[in-house]
Structure formats: structure tokens, C-alpha cells
Amino acid sequence: MLVVALGILLFALIARTLGGLVLEVLSPVVDFRVVIAGVLFVLVMVEIQRLLIIYLREHRVAVDFMVELGTVSTLREIVLRGVLDLAWEQVVAASVFLLALGGLLRFAGLRLGYSGRAP
């Protein structure tokens, strides 16, 4: 019941954000940073919604979807702040984090058809 309520809440949040985006785009002065932030926020919410739907269908959480969610969220923050505005330590930390997530997808058997069951 809680997961279904979360799904409905996420859907309402996506609808509210899309409504705000439409108003922002139709305004006389468009702040592109706000529009990009809204679009990327909607993408993150769609990923979370997809994760909830898969959980309801299969009663488990797939790690590859969590990795994709972490990747999109990290890239959202980098795009919003701007790479030139970040300290070099933050750029290195984000790069290492994204490489680690990519390594999880490639070498952990997540995309190679691993079912998670014992042979």
C-alpha cells in the first residue's frame, strides 16, 4: 500500500513540475537554467517511478536501475552547477563516482543476463 501511495505521489509531483515548466516556458522572460533543472528533475522522477513499477511487478529492486538513477542524478547536479563553477576536487570526485557506477554496470554482470539465482 505504501509503495502504491509513493507512486501516486511521484506522479503528482511530476505533473506539478511539468505544469511549472509550461508556465516558465510561456513566460515573457525564460530562465533556461530553471527550465533545464525542471526537465532533469522530471527525468529523475520518471526513473524513480520506473523503479517503483518494477518493484511492484517483480517484488525486487534491480541494481542496474539504481545505478542509472544515481548516474542521472549526479549528471543533473553537474549540469545545474556548471563544470566551470565546481572545484577540481568535486570534478574528480564526480568522475570517480561515475566511473564506479559504470564499472558496476559493465563488470558486475548486471547487464549480461545475470538472474541472481544459484546455478
PDB file of N, CA and C in Angstrom:
ATOM      1  N   MET A   1       0.825  -1.186   0.000  1.00  0.00           N
ATOM      2  CA  MET A   1       0.000   0.000   0.000  1.00  0.00           C
ATOM      3  C   MET A   1       0.881   1.267   0.000  1.00  0.00           C
ATOM      4  N   LEU A   2       1.978   1.203   0.754  1.00  0.00           N
ATOM      5  CA  LEU A   2       2.882   2.339   0.843  1.00  0.00           C
ATOM      6  C   LEU A   2       3.549   2.621  -0.497  1.00  0.00           C
ATOM      7  N   VAL A   3       3.935   1.580  -1.202  1.00  0.00           N
ATOM      8  CA  VAL A   3       4.602   1.750  -2.491  1.00  0.00           C
ATOM      9  C   VAL A   3       3.641   2.348  -3.513  1.00  0.00           C
ATOM     10  N   VAL A   4       2.379   1.930  -3.479  1.00  0.00           N
ATOM     11  CA  VAL A   4       1.389   2.487  -4.393  1.00  0.00           C
ATOM     12  C   VAL A   4       1.166   3.971  -4.074  1.00  0.00           C
ATOM     13  N   ALA A   5       1.110   4.329  -2.794  1.00  0.00           N
ATOM     14  CA  ALA A   5       0.951   5.732  -2.407  1.00  0.00           C
ATOM     15  C   ALA A   5       2.159   6.553  -2.863  1.00  0.00           C
ATOM     16  N   LEU A   6       3.354   5.988  -2.748  1.00  0.00           N
ATOM     17  CA  LEU A   6       4.553   6.681  -3.236  1.00  0.00           C
ATOM     18  C   LEU A   6       4.500   6.888  -4.745  1.00  0.00           C
ATOM     19  N   GLY A   7       4.024   5.882  -5.460  1.00  0.00           N
ATOM     20  CA  GLY A   7       3.900   6.009  -6.911  1.00  0.00           C
ATOM     21  C   GLY A   7       2.935   7.113  -7.305  1.00  0.00           C
ATOM     22  N   ILE A   8       1.795   7.191  -6.623  1.00  0.00           N
ATOM     23  CA  ILE A   8       0.813   8.239  -6.903  1.00  0.00           C
ATOM     24  C   ILE A   8       1.396   9.608  -6.555  1.00  0.00           C
ATOM     25  N   LEU A   9       2.104   9.690  -5.436  1.00  0.00           N
ATOM     26  CA  LEU A   9       2.730  10.944  -5.035  1.00  0.00           C
ATOM     27  C   LEU A   9       3.788  11.389  -6.041  1.00  0.00           C
ATOM     28  N   LEU A  10       4.594  10.457  -6.532  1.00  0.00           N
ATOM     29  CA  LEU A  10       5.594  10.790  -7.548  1.00  0.00           C
ATOM     30  C   LEU A  10       4.944  11.266  -8.840  1.00  0.00           C
ATOM     31  N   PHE A  11       3.854  10.614  -9.221  1.00  0.00           N
ATOM     32  CA  PHE A  11       3.149  11.026 -10.436  1.00  0.00           C
ATOM     33  C   PHE A  11       2.605  12.443 -10.280  1.00  0.00           C
ATOM     34  N   ALA A  12       2.045  12.758  -9.109  1.00  0.00           N
ATOM     35  CA  ALA A  12       1.540  14.112  -8.862  1.00  0.00           C
ATOM     36  C   ALA A  12       2.677  15.132  -8.879  1.00  0.00           C
ATOM     37  N   LEU A  13       3.822  14.761  -8.328  1.00  0.00           N
ATOM     38  CA  LEU A  13       4.980  15.655  -8.329  1.00  0.00           C
ATOM     39  C   LEU A  13       5.483  15.911  -9.745  1.00  0.00           C
ATOM     40  N   ILE A  14       5.480  14.883 -10.578  1.00  0.00           N
ATOM     41  CA  ILE A  14       5.880  15.042 -11.977  1.00  0.00           C
ATOM     42  C   ILE A  14       4.903  15.968 -12.694  1.00  0.00           C
ATOM     43  N   ALA A  15       3.603  15.772 -12.466  1.00  0.00           N
ATOM     44  CA  ALA A  15       2.590  16.607 -13.116  1.00  0.00           C
ATOM     45  C   ALA A  15       2.730  18.066 -12.675  1.00  0.00           C
ATOM     46  N   ARG A  16       2.984  18.289 -11.380  1.00  0.00           N
ATOM     47  CA  ARG A  16       3.156  19.657 -10.891  1.00  0.00           C
ATOM     48  C   ARG A  16       4.394  20.317 -11.505  1.00  0.00           C
ATOM     49  N   THR A  17       5.470  19.567 -11.606  1.00  0.00           N
ATOM     50  CA  THR A  17       6.698  20.106 -12.193  1.00  0.00           C
ATOM     51  C   THR A  17       6.504  20.411 -13.670  1.00  0.00           C
ATOM     52  N   LEU A  18       5.820  19.539 -14.392  1.00  0.00           N
ATOM     53  CA  LEU A  18       5.555  19.799 -15.806  1.00  0.00           C
ATOM     54  C   LEU A  18       4.675  21.033 -15.982  1.00  0.00           C
ATOM     55  N   GLY A  19       3.691  21.224 -15.097  1.00  0.00           N
ATOM     56  CA  GLY A  19       2.867  22.427 -15.144  1.00  0.00           C
ATOM     57  C   GLY A  19       3.698  23.680 -14.917  1.00  0.00           C
ATOM     58  N   GLY A  20       4.606  23.621 -13.949  1.00  0.00           N
ATOM     59  CA  GLY A  20       5.502  24.748 -13.713  1.00  0.00           C
ATOM     60  C   GLY A  20       6.424  25.012 -14.885  1.00  0.00           C
ATOM     61  N   LEU A  21       6.857  23.951 -15.554  1.00  0.00           N
ATOM     62  CA  LEU A  21       7.709  24.116 -16.740  1.00  0.00           C
ATOM     63  C   LEU A  21       6.956  24.801 -17.875  1.00  0.00           C
ATOM     64  N   VAL A  22       5.702  24.418 -18.061  1.00  0.00           N
ATOM     65  CA  VAL A  22       4.902  25.045 -19.116  1.00  0.00           C
ATOM     66  C   VAL A  22       4.740  26.531 -18.826  1.00  0.00           C
ATOM     67  N   LEU A  23       4.448  26.874 -17.574  1.00  0.00           N
ATOM     68  CA  LEU A  23       4.313  28.290 -17.215  1.00  0.00           C
ATOM     69  C   LEU A  23       5.633  29.043 -17.394  1.00  0.00           C
ATOM     70  N   GLU A  24       6.733  28.379 -17.071  1.00  0.00           N
ATOM     71  CA  GLU A  24       8.048  29.027 -17.212  1.00  0.00           C
ATOM     72  C   GLU A  24       8.394  29.260 -18.682  1.00  0.00           C
ATOM     73  N   VAL A  25       8.081  28.299 -19.528  1.00  0.00           N
ATOM     74  CA  VAL A  25       8.394  28.439 -20.948  1.00  0.00           C
ATOM     75  C   VAL A  25       7.507  29.502 -21.595  1.00  0.00           C
ATOM     76  N   LEU A  26       6.262  29.620 -21.152  1.00  0.00           N
ATOM     77  CA  LEU A  26       5.341  30.591 -21.737  1.00  0.00           C
ATOM     78  C   LEU A  26       5.495  31.993 -21.167  1.00  0.00           C
ATOM     79  N   SER A  27       6.333  32.160 -20.150  1.00  0.00           N
ATOM     80  CA  SER A  27       6.525  33.487 -19.567  1.00  0.00           C
ATOM     81  C   SER A  27       7.345  34.357 -20.533  1.00  0.00           C
ATOM     82  N   PRO A  28       7.234  35.690 -20.401  1.00  0.00           N
ATOM     83  CA  PRO A  28       7.961  36.569 -21.325  1.00  0.00           C
ATOM     84  C   PRO A  28       9.479  36.446 -21.217  1.00  0.00           C
ATOM     85  N   VAL A  29       9.977  36.214 -20.010  1.00  0.00           N
ATOM     86  CA  VAL A  29      11.419  36.057 -19.809  1.00  0.00           C
ATOM     87  C   VAL A  29      11.669  34.623 -19.354  1.00  0.00           C
ATOM     88  N   VAL A  30      12.394  33.879 -20.172  1.00  0.00           N
ATOM     89  CA  VAL A  30      12.643  32.466 -19.872  1.00  0.00           C
ATOM     90  C   VAL A  30      14.025  32.327 -19.252  1.00  0.00           C
ATOM     91  N   ASP A  31      14.066  31.729 -18.064  1.00  0.00           N
ATOM     92  CA  ASP A  31      15.335  31.411 -17.415  1.00  0.00           C
ATOM     93  C   ASP A  31      15.673  29.964 -17.765  1.00  0.00           C
ATOM     94  N   PHE A  32      16.629  29.792 -18.655  1.00  0.00           N
ATOM     95  CA  PHE A  32      16.927  28.454 -19.163  1.00  0.00           C
ATOM     96  C   PHE A  32      17.477  27.526 -18.088  1.00  0.00           C
ATOM     97  N   ARG A  33      18.136  28.083 -17.104  1.00  0.00           N
ATOM     98  CA  ARG A  33      18.659  27.247 -16.033  1.00  0.00           C
ATOM     99  C   ARG A  33      17.515  26.602 -15.242  1.00  0.00           C
ATOM    100  N   VAL A  34      16.433  27.346 -15.021  1.00  0.00           N
ATOM    101  CA  VAL A  34      15.257  26.806 -14.332  1.00  0.00           C
ATOM    102  C   VAL A  34      14.578  25.753 -15.189  1.00  0.00           C
ATOM    103  N   VAL A  35      14.495  26.001 -16.493  1.00  0.00           N
ATOM    104  CA  VAL A  35      13.857  25.041 -17.398  1.00  0.00           C
ATOM    105  C   VAL A  35      14.663  23.747 -17.447  1.00  0.00           C
ATOM    106  N   ILE A  36      15.967  23.858 -17.576  1.00  0.00           N
ATOM    107  CA  ILE A  36      16.809  22.662 -17.615  1.00  0.00           C
ATOM    108  C   ILE A  36      16.737  21.908 -16.293  1.00  0.00           C
ATOM    109  N   ALA A  37      16.737  22.636 -15.177  1.00  0.00           N
ATOM    110  CA  ALA A  37      16.612  21.990 -13.871  1.00  0.00           C
ATOM    111  C   ALA A  37      15.296  21.236 -13.760  1.00  0.00           C
ATOM    112  N   GLY A  38      14.217  21.833 -14.261  1.00  0.00           N
ATOM    113  CA  GLY A  38      12.912  21.172 -14.214  1.00  0.00           C
ATOM    114  C   GLY A  38      12.865  19.919 -15.070  1.00  0.00           C
ATOM    115  N   VAL A  39      13.421  20.007 -16.269  1.00  0.00           N
ATOM    116  CA  VAL A  39      13.426  18.845 -17.165  1.00  0.00           C
ATOM    117  C   VAL A  39      14.257  17.707 -16.568  1.00  0.00           C
ATOM    118  N   LEU A  40      15.411  18.030 -16.030  1.00  0.00           N
ATOM    119  CA  LEU A  40      16.248  16.990 -15.432  1.00  0.00           C
ATOM    120  C   LEU A  40      15.608  16.413 -14.175  1.00  0.00           C
ATOM    121  N   PHE A  41      14.893  17.253 -13.416  1.00  0.00           N
ATOM    122  CA  PHE A  41      14.170  16.755 -12.245  1.00  0.00           C
ATOM    123  C   PHE A  41      13.074  15.774 -12.663  1.00  0.00           C
ATOM    124  N   VAL A  42      12.370  16.095 -13.741  1.00  0.00           N
ATOM    125  CA  VAL A  42      11.336  15.188 -14.242  1.00  0.00           C
ATOM    126  C   VAL A  42      11.963  13.868 -14.683  1.00  0.00           C
ATOM    127  N   LEU A  43      13.132  13.913 -15.327  1.00  0.00           N
ATOM    128  CA  LEU A  43      13.797  12.675 -15.727  1.00  0.00           C
ATOM    129  C   LEU A  43      14.162  11.807 -14.528  1.00  0.00           C
ATOM    130  N   VAL A  44      14.628  12.432 -13.456  1.00  0.00           N
ATOM    131  CA  VAL A  44      14.961  11.685 -12.245  1.00  0.00           C
ATOM    132  C   VAL A  44      13.691  11.075 -11.651  1.00  0.00           C
ATOM    133  N   MET A  45      12.611  11.838 -11.625  1.00  0.00           N
ATOM    134  CA  MET A  45      11.349  11.327 -11.071  1.00  0.00           C
ATOM    135  C   MET A  45      10.787  10.185 -11.911  1.00  0.00           C
ATOM    136  N   VAL A  46      10.953  10.267 -13.241  1.00  0.00           N
ATOM    137  CA  VAL A  46      10.497   9.180 -14.110  1.00  0.00           C
ATOM    138  C   VAL A  46      11.303   7.911 -13.828  1.00  0.00           C
ATOM    139  N   GLU A  47      12.600   8.055 -13.604  1.00  0.00           N
ATOM    140  CA  GLU A  47      13.426   6.891 -13.260  1.00  0.00           C
ATOM    141  C   GLU A  47      12.966   6.261 -11.931  1.00  0.00           C
ATOM    142  N   ILE A  48      12.654   7.103 -10.954  1.00  0.00           N
ATOM    143  CA  ILE A  48      12.171   6.578  -9.675  1.00  0.00           C
ATOM    144  C   ILE A  48      10.815   5.911  -9.862  1.00  0.00           C
ATOM    145  N   GLN A  49       9.948   6.506 -10.674  1.00  0.00           N
ATOM    146  CA  GLN A  49       8.640   5.907 -10.953  1.00  0.00           C
ATOM    147  C   GLN A  49       8.816   4.541 -11.626  1.00  0.00           C
ATOM    148  N   ARG A  50       9.749   4.464 -12.562  1.00  0.00           N
ATOM    149  CA  ARG A  50      10.012   3.182 -13.230  1.00  0.00           C
ATOM    150  C   ARG A  50      10.525   2.149 -12.244  1.00  0.00           C
ATOM    151  N   LEU A  51      11.363   2.587 -11.313  1.00  0.00           N
ATOM    152  CA  LEU A  51      11.876   1.689 -10.288  1.00  0.00           C
ATOM    153  C   LEU A  51      10.748   1.156  -9.409  1.00  0.00           C
ATOM    154  N   LEU A  52       9.802   2.010  -9.047  1.00  0.00           N
ATOM    155  CA  LEU A  52       8.661   1.579  -8.242  1.00  0.00           C
ATOM    156  C   LEU A  52       7.767   0.601  -9.002  1.00  0.00           C
ATOM    157  N   ILE A  53       7.564   0.853 -10.283  1.00  0.00           N
ATOM    158  CA  ILE A  53       6.737  -0.050 -11.085  1.00  0.00           C
ATOM    159  C   ILE A  53       7.386  -1.426 -11.187  1.00  0.00           C
ATOM    160  N   ILE A  54       8.679  -1.451 -11.393  1.00  0.00           N
ATOM    161  CA  ILE A  54       9.385  -2.738 -11.462  1.00  0.00           C
ATOM    162  C   ILE A  54       9.331  -3.446 -10.113  1.00  0.00           C
ATOM    163  N   TYR A  55       9.432  -2.680  -9.030  1.00  0.00           N
ATOM    164  CA  TYR A  55       9.322  -3.287  -7.697  1.00  0.00           C
ATOM    165  C   TYR A  55       7.938  -3.896  -7.493  1.00  0.00           C
ATOM    166  N   LEU A  56       6.894  -3.213  -7.916  1.00  0.00           N
ATOM    167  CA  LEU A  56       5.548  -3.754  -7.775  1.00  0.00           C
ATOM    168  C   LEU A  56       5.341  -4.996  -8.639  1.00  0.00           C
ATOM    169  N   ARG A  57       5.968  -5.017  -9.812  1.00  0.00           N
ATOM    170  CA  ARG A  57       5.792  -6.136 -10.727  1.00  0.00           C
ATOM    171  C   ARG A  57       6.605  -7.360 -10.285  1.00  0.00           C
ATOM    172  N   GLU A  58       7.846  -7.156  -9.871  1.00  0.00           N
ATOM    173  CA  GLU A  58       8.747  -8.280  -9.605  1.00  0.00           C
ATOM    174  C   GLU A  58       9.063  -8.484  -8.127  1.00  0.00           C
ATOM    175  N   HIS A  59       8.677  -7.553  -7.270  1.00  0.00           N
ATOM    176  CA  HIS A  59       8.933  -7.613  -5.829  1.00  0.00           C
ATOM    177  C   HIS A  59      10.421  -7.679  -5.502  1.00  0.00           C
ATOM    178  N   ARG A  60      11.197  -7.003  -6.304  1.00  0.00           N
ATOM    179  CA  ARG A  60      12.617  -6.840  -6.033  1.00  0.00           C
ATOM    180  C   ARG A  60      13.086  -5.551  -6.712  1.00  0.00           C
ATOM    181  N   VAL A  61      14.203  -5.051  -6.265  1.00  0.00           N
ATOM    182  CA  VAL A  61      14.762  -3.829  -6.836  1.00  0.00           C
ATOM    183  C   VAL A  61      15.983  -4.210  -7.665  1.00  0.00           C
ATOM    184  N   ALA A  62      15.964  -3.837  -8.923  1.00  0.00           N
ATOM    185  CA  ALA A  62      17.085  -4.132  -9.805  1.00  0.00           C
ATOM    186  C   ALA A  62      18.187  -3.098  -9.578  1.00  0.00           C
ATOM    187  N   VAL A  63      19.389  -3.588  -9.398  1.00  0.00           N
ATOM    188  CA  VAL A  63      20.513  -2.709  -9.101  1.00  0.00           C
ATOM    189  C   VAL A  63      20.858  -1.837 -10.303  1.00  0.00           C
ATOM    190  N   ASP A  64      20.673  -2.353 -11.512  1.00  0.00           N
ATOM    191  CA  ASP A  64      21.030  -1.547 -12.677  1.00  0.00           C
ATOM    192  C   ASP A  64      20.157  -0.304 -12.790  1.00  0.00           C
ATOM    193  N   PHE A  65      18.900  -0.391 -12.387  1.00  0.00           N
ATOM    194  CA  PHE A  65      18.058   0.803 -12.386  1.00  0.00           C
ATOM    195  C   PHE A  65      18.511   1.796 -11.328  1.00  0.00           C
ATOM    196  N   MET A  66      18.982   1.288 -10.198  1.00  0.00           N
ATOM    197  CA  MET A  66      19.503   2.177  -9.159  1.00  0.00           C
ATOM    198  C   MET A  66      20.777   2.872  -9.640  1.00  0.00           C
ATOM    199  N   VAL A  67      21.614   2.148 -10.373  1.00  0.00           N
ATOM    200  CA  VAL A  67      22.843   2.743 -10.915  1.00  0.00           C
ATOM    201  C   VAL A  67      22.496   3.819 -11.929  1.00  0.00           C
ATOM    202  N   GLU A  68      21.519   3.553 -12.788  1.00  0.00           N
ATOM    203  CA  GLU A  68      21.097   4.557 -13.760  1.00  0.00           C
ATOM    204  C   GLU A  68      20.534   5.792 -13.061  1.00  0.00           C
ATOM    205  N   LEU A  69      19.791   5.584 -12.002  1.00  0.00           N
ATOM    206  CA  LEU A  69      19.239   6.700 -11.240  1.00  0.00           C
ATOM    207  C   LEU A  69      20.348   7.540 -10.607  1.00  0.00           C
ATOM    208  N   GLY A  70      21.349   6.882 -10.059  1.00  0.00           N
ATOM    209  CA  GLY A  70      22.490   7.601  -9.490  1.00  0.00           C
ATOM    210  C   GLY A  70      23.258   8.380 -10.536  1.00  0.00           C
ATOM    211  N   THR A  71      23.377   7.800 -11.718  1.00  0.00           N
ATOM    212  CA  THR A  71      24.082   8.481 -12.814  1.00  0.00           C
ATOM    213  C   THR A  71      23.325   9.728 -13.263  1.00  0.00           C
ATOM    214  N   VAL A  72      22.032   9.585 -13.474  1.00  0.00           N
ATOM    215  CA  VAL A  72      21.229  10.731 -13.921  1.00  0.00           C
ATOM    216  C   VAL A  72      21.223  11.828 -12.864  1.00  0.00           C
ATOM    217  N   SER A  73      21.103  11.458 -11.605  1.00  0.00           N
ATOM    218  CA  SER A  73      21.083  12.453 -10.528  1.00  0.00           C
ATOM    219  C   SER A  73      22.414  13.190 -10.429  1.00  0.00           C
ATOM    220  N   THR A  74      23.504  12.463 -10.551  1.00  0.00           N
ATOM    221  CA  THR A  74      24.824  13.088 -10.490  1.00  0.00           C
ATOM    222  C   THR A  74      25.040  14.041 -11.662  1.00  0.00           C
ATOM    223  N   LEU A  75      24.680  13.604 -12.855  1.00  0.00           N
ATOM    224  CA  LEU A  75      24.833  14.462 -14.025  1.00  0.00           C
ATOM    225  C   LEU A  75      23.922  15.679 -13.944  1.00  0.00           C
ATOM    226  N   ARG A  76      22.759  15.532 -13.332  1.00  0.00           N
ATOM    227  CA  ARG A  76      21.850  16.674 -13.142  1.00  0.00           C
ATOM    228  C   ARG A  76      22.526  17.745 -12.300  1.00  0.00           C
ATOM    229  N   GLU A  77      23.134  17.334 -11.205  1.00  0.00           N
ATOM    230  CA  GLU A  77      23.792  18.307 -10.330  1.00  0.00           C
ATOM    231  C   GLU A  77      24.976  18.982 -11.024  1.00  0.00           C
ATOM    232  N   ILE A  78      25.715  18.216 -11.817  1.00  0.00           N
ATOM    233  CA  ILE A  78      26.860  18.785 -12.524  1.00  0.00           C
ATOM    234  C   ILE A  78      26.391  19.800 -13.558  1.00  0.00           C
ATOM    235  N   VAL A  79      25.338  19.468 -14.292  1.00  0.00           N
ATOM    236  CA  VAL A  79      24.825  20.379 -15.310  1.00  0.00           C
ATOM    237  C   VAL A  79      24.275  21.644 -14.665  1.00  0.00           C
ATOM    238  N   LEU A  80      23.563  21.509 -13.555  1.00  0.00           N
ATOM    239  CA  LEU A  80      22.961  22.684 -12.916  1.00  0.00           C
ATOM    240  C   LEU A  80      24.005  23.635 -12.346  1.00  0.00           C
ATOM    241  N   ARG A  81      25.039  23.095 -11.763  1.00  0.00           N
ATOM    242  CA  ARG A  81      26.067  23.958 -11.181  1.00  0.00           C
ATOM    243  C   ARG A  81      27.055  24.451 -12.217  1.00  0.00           C
ATOM    244  N   GLY A  82      27.252  23.692 -13.255  1.00  0.00           N
ATOM    245  CA  GLY A  82      28.226  24.060 -14.275  1.00  0.00           C
ATOM    246  C   GLY A  82      29.597  23.527 -13.903  1.00  0.00           C
ATOM    247  N   VAL A  83      30.220  22.874 -14.831  1.00  0.00           N
ATOM    248  CA  VAL A  83      31.522  22.254 -14.556  1.00  0.00           C
ATOM    249  C   VAL A  83      32.564  23.311 -14.224  1.00  0.00           C
ATOM    250  N   LEU A  84      32.465  24.477 -14.850  1.00  0.00           N
ATOM    251  CA  LEU A  84      33.456  25.524 -14.602  1.00  0.00           C
ATOM    252  C   LEU A  84      33.320  26.137 -13.211  1.00  0.00           C
ATOM    253  N   ASP A  85      32.143  26.020 -12.596  1.00  0.00           N
ATOM    254  CA  ASP A  85      31.925  26.575 -11.255  1.00  0.00           C
ATOM    255  C   ASP A  85      32.321  25.610 -10.147  1.00  0.00           C
ATOM    256  N   LEU A  86      32.617  24.371 -10.493  1.00  0.00           N
ATOM    257  CA  LEU A  86      32.982  23.370  -9.485  1.00  0.00           C
ATOM    258  C   LEU A  86      34.480  23.409  -9.218  1.00  0.00           C
ATOM    259  N   ALA A  87      34.841  23.094  -7.987  1.00  0.00           N
ATOM    260  CA  ALA A  87      36.262  22.953  -7.653  1.00  0.00           C
ATOM    261  C   ALA A  87      36.788  21.682  -8.318  1.00  0.00           C
ATOM    262  N   TRP A  88      38.077  21.636  -8.529  1.00  0.00           N
ATOM    263  CA  TRP A  88      38.645  20.474  -9.216  1.00  0.00           C
ATOM    264  C   TRP A  88      38.450  19.207  -8.402  1.00  0.00           C
ATOM    265  N   GLU A  89      38.419  19.310  -7.069  1.00  0.00           N
ATOM    266  CA  GLU A  89      38.191  18.132  -6.231  1.00  0.00           C
ATOM    267  C   GLU A  89      36.798  17.558  -6.459  1.00  0.00           C
ATOM    268  N   GLN A  90      35.815  18.433  -6.647  1.00  0.00           N
ATOM    269  CA  GLN A  90      34.453  17.975  -6.895  1.00  0.00           C
ATOM    270  C   GLN A  90      34.336  17.315  -8.265  1.00  0.00           C
ATOM    271  N   VAL A  91      35.032  17.839  -9.239  1.00  0.00           N
ATOM    272  CA  VAL A  91      35.009  17.244 -10.579  1.00  0.00           C
ATOM    273  C   VAL A  91      35.650  15.860 -10.543  1.00  0.00           C
ATOM    274  N   VAL A  92      36.762  15.743  -9.840  1.00  0.00           N
ATOM    275  CA  VAL A  92      37.433  14.440  -9.720  1.00  0.00           C
ATOM    276  C   VAL A  92      36.545  13.448  -8.975  1.00  0.00           C
ATOM    277  N   ALA A  93      35.910  13.888  -7.883  1.00  0.00           N
ATOM    278  CA  ALA A  93      35.034  13.004  -7.109  1.00  0.00           C
ATOM    279  C   ALA A  93      33.841  12.541  -7.941  1.00  0.00           C
ATOM    280  N   ALA A  94      33.231  13.458  -8.688  1.00  0.00           N
ATOM    281  CA  ALA A  94      32.105  13.078  -9.540  1.00  0.00           C
ATOM    282  C   ALA A  94      32.555  12.127 -10.648  1.00  0.00           C
ATOM    283  N   SER A  95      33.729  12.360 -11.197  1.00  0.00           N
ATOM    284  CA  SER A  95      34.247  11.481 -12.250  1.00  0.00           C
ATOM    285  C   SER A  95      34.512  10.082 -11.727  1.00  0.00           C
ATOM    286  N   VAL A  96      35.116   9.984 -10.560  1.00  0.00           N
ATOM    287  CA  VAL A  96      35.383   8.670  -9.968  1.00  0.00           C
ATOM    288  C   VAL A  96      34.071   7.965  -9.639  1.00  0.00           C
ATOM    289  N   PHE A  97      33.098   8.718  -9.110  1.00  0.00           N
ATOM    290  CA  PHE A  97      31.791   8.138  -8.796  1.00  0.00           C
ATOM    291  C   PHE A  97      31.113   7.605 -10.052  1.00  0.00           C
ATOM    292  N   LEU A  98      31.130   8.379 -11.136  1.00  0.00           N
ATOM    293  CA  LEU A  98      30.507   7.932 -12.376  1.00  0.00           C
ATOM    294  C   LEU A  98      31.249   6.749 -12.992  1.00  0.00           C
ATOM    295  N   LEU A  99      32.576   6.734 -12.879  1.00  0.00           N
ATOM    296  CA  LEU A  99      33.339   5.567 -13.354  1.00  0.00           C
ATOM    297  C   LEU A  99      33.017   4.324 -12.539  1.00  0.00           C
ATOM    298  N   ALA A 100      32.849   4.481 -11.236  1.00  0.00           N
ATOM    299  CA  ALA A 100      32.483   3.346 -10.384  1.00  0.00           C
ATOM    300  C   ALA A 100      31.096   2.815 -10.747  1.00  0.00           C
ATOM    301  N   LEU A 101      30.157   3.711 -10.994  1.00  0.00           N
ATOM    302  CA  LEU A 101      28.825   3.270 -11.409  1.00  0.00           C
ATOM    303  C   LEU A 101      28.872   2.575 -12.767  1.00  0.00           C
ATOM    304  N   GLY A 102      29.665   3.120 -13.687  1.00  0.00           N
ATOM    305  CA  GLY A 102      29.828   2.469 -14.981  1.00  0.00           C
ATOM    306  C   GLY A 102      30.481   1.101 -14.853  1.00  0.00           C
ATOM    307  N   GLY A 103      31.445   0.986 -13.957  1.00  0.00           N
ATOM    308  CA  GLY A 103      32.072  -0.310 -13.700  1.00  0.00           C
ATOM    309  C   GLY A 103      31.084  -1.312 -13.127  1.00  0.00           C
ATOM    310  N   LEU A 104      30.193  -0.851 -12.267  1.00  0.00           N
ATOM    311  CA  LEU A 104      29.154  -1.740 -11.739  1.00  0.00           C
ATOM    312  C   LEU A 104      28.267  -2.275 -12.852  1.00  0.00           C
ATOM    313  N   LEU A 105      27.887  -1.409 -13.765  1.00  0.00           N
ATOM    314  CA  LEU A 105      27.034  -1.861 -14.865  1.00  0.00           C
ATOM    315  C   LEU A 105      27.764  -2.837 -15.791  1.00  0.00           C
ATOM    316  N   ARG A 106      29.034  -2.566 -16.041  1.00  0.00           N
ATOM    317  CA  ARG A 106      29.764  -3.377 -17.014  1.00  0.00           C
ATOM    318  C   ARG A 106      30.299  -4.682 -16.437  1.00  0.00           C
ATOM    319  N   PHE A 107      30.905  -4.621 -15.274  1.00  0.00           N
ATOM    320  CA  PHE A 107      31.641  -5.779 -14.782  1.00  0.00           C
ATOM    321  C   PHE A 107      30.937  -6.554 -13.677  1.00  0.00           C
ATOM    322  N   ALA A 108      29.830  -6.080 -13.175  1.00  0.00           N
ATOM    323  CA  ALA A 108      29.138  -6.800 -12.099  1.00  0.00           C
ATOM    324  C   ALA A 108      28.105  -7.778 -12.639  1.00  0.00           C
ATOM    325  N   GLY A 109      28.020  -7.917 -13.951  1.00  0.00           N
ATOM    326  CA  GLY A 109      27.091  -8.883 -14.522  1.00  0.00           C
ATOM    327  C   GLY A 109      25.655  -8.398 -14.525  1.00  0.00           C
ATOM    328  N   LEU A 110      25.440  -7.110 -14.338  1.00  0.00           N
ATOM    329  CA  LEU A 110      24.082  -6.598 -14.257  1.00  0.00           C
ATOM    330  C   LEU A 110      23.409  -6.533 -15.621  1.00  0.00           C
ATOM    331  N   ARG A 111      24.165  -6.268 -16.649  1.00  0.00           N
ATOM    332  CA  ARG A 111      23.605  -6.158 -17.995  1.00  0.00           C
ATOM    333  C   ARG A 111      23.865  -7.415 -18.831  1.00  0.00           C
ATOM    334  N   LEU A 112      24.437  -8.431 -18.237  1.00  0.00           N
ATOM    335  CA  LEU A 112      24.805  -9.623 -19.006  1.00  0.00           C
ATOM    336  C   LEU A 112      23.827 -10.768 -18.821  1.00  0.00           C
ATOM    337  N   GLY A 113      22.634 -10.484 -18.306  1.00  0.00           N
ATOM    338  CA  GLY A 113      21.639 -11.525 -18.149  1.00  0.00           C
ATOM    339  C   GLY A 113      21.774 -12.308 -16.872  1.00  0.00           C
ATOM    340  N   TYR A 114      22.489 -11.797 -15.892  1.00  0.00           N
ATOM    341  CA  TYR A 114      22.621 -12.485 -14.617  1.00  0.00           C
ATOM    342  C   TYR A 114      21.284 -12.468 -13.915  1.00  0.00           C
ATOM    343  N   SER A 115      20.774 -13.635 -13.515  1.00  0.00           N
ATOM    344  CA  SER A 115      19.436 -13.717 -12.929  1.00  0.00           C
ATOM    345  C   SER A 115      19.443 -13.613 -11.434  1.00  0.00           C
ATOM    346  N   GLY A 116      20.587 -13.779 -10.786  1.00  0.00           N
ATOM    347  CA  GLY A 116      20.644 -13.674  -9.334  1.00  0.00           C
ATOM    348  C   GLY A 116      20.346 -14.982  -8.627  1.00  0.00           C
ATOM    349  N   ARG A 117      20.044 -16.045  -9.378  1.00  0.00           N
ATOM    350  CA  ARG A 117      19.743 -17.348  -8.774  1.00  0.00           C
ATOM    351  C   ARG A 117      20.989 -18.232  -8.795  1.00  0.00           C
ATOM    352  N   ALA A 118      21.038 -19.112  -7.833  1.00  0.00           N
ATOM    353  CA  ALA A 118      22.144 -20.071  -7.792  1.00  0.00           C
ATOM    354  C   ALA A 118      21.987 -21.072  -8.930  1.00  0.00           C
ATOM    355  N   PRO A 119      23.105 -21.551  -9.498  1.00  0.00           N
ATOM    356  CA  PRO A 119      23.021 -22.492 -10.625  1.00  0.00           C
ATOM    357  C   PRO A 119      22.499 -23.846 -10.211  1.00  0.00           C
TER     358      PRO A 119
END
